[in-house]
């Protein structure tokens, strides 16, 4: 009986780990937001229940050469405009303003693909139904960052005014026509 109890407990622990079930957009986008070049990444909670206390962090792993000529990779913490949500129920778009202290500053759609940069987005939230913390991570290489595009609206309003998220639209992009030539922008 002791052996059966131990094995049952081990199997339960192994297979009952909470899964984050967070859907990430296939590509990140860089476009203008409030007049500034901004990196955007969209993701959504794919659970049937809301998560609480969601925190997001964005990092860039950048290959750099020192003044002495040595190559190494360094992790840059990228500032997000809103990195915490008390209640994570709707799609969430992370915004990183590309200022002069950003590792993406000065890169455009012709120079970015050859840059040695990989973005990592980490999400941590609490599933109140399971009473457990869940975590997930998504990475984007430079070939999965699109310029002059924006995410298609993934929210629909019902006749009664209630909002519903269409998770099948989480990765859909459209040209951002607020620029003189969509797909071409100057980061300055």
Foldseek 3Di string as FASTA:
>chain_A
DVVVVVVVVVVCVVPVDDAQQKAWAQFWEWEDDPRFTKIKIKIARPDPAKWAWKFKWKKKWFWDADPVGDIDTDIDTFDWPDGTDGIGHAMDMTIGGQDPVDPCAPDALVRQLVGRMKMKMKMWTADPVVRDIYIDMDMDHSVRYFYQKDQDDQWDADPVRDIDGNVVRNHDIDGNVVDPDRRDDGHD
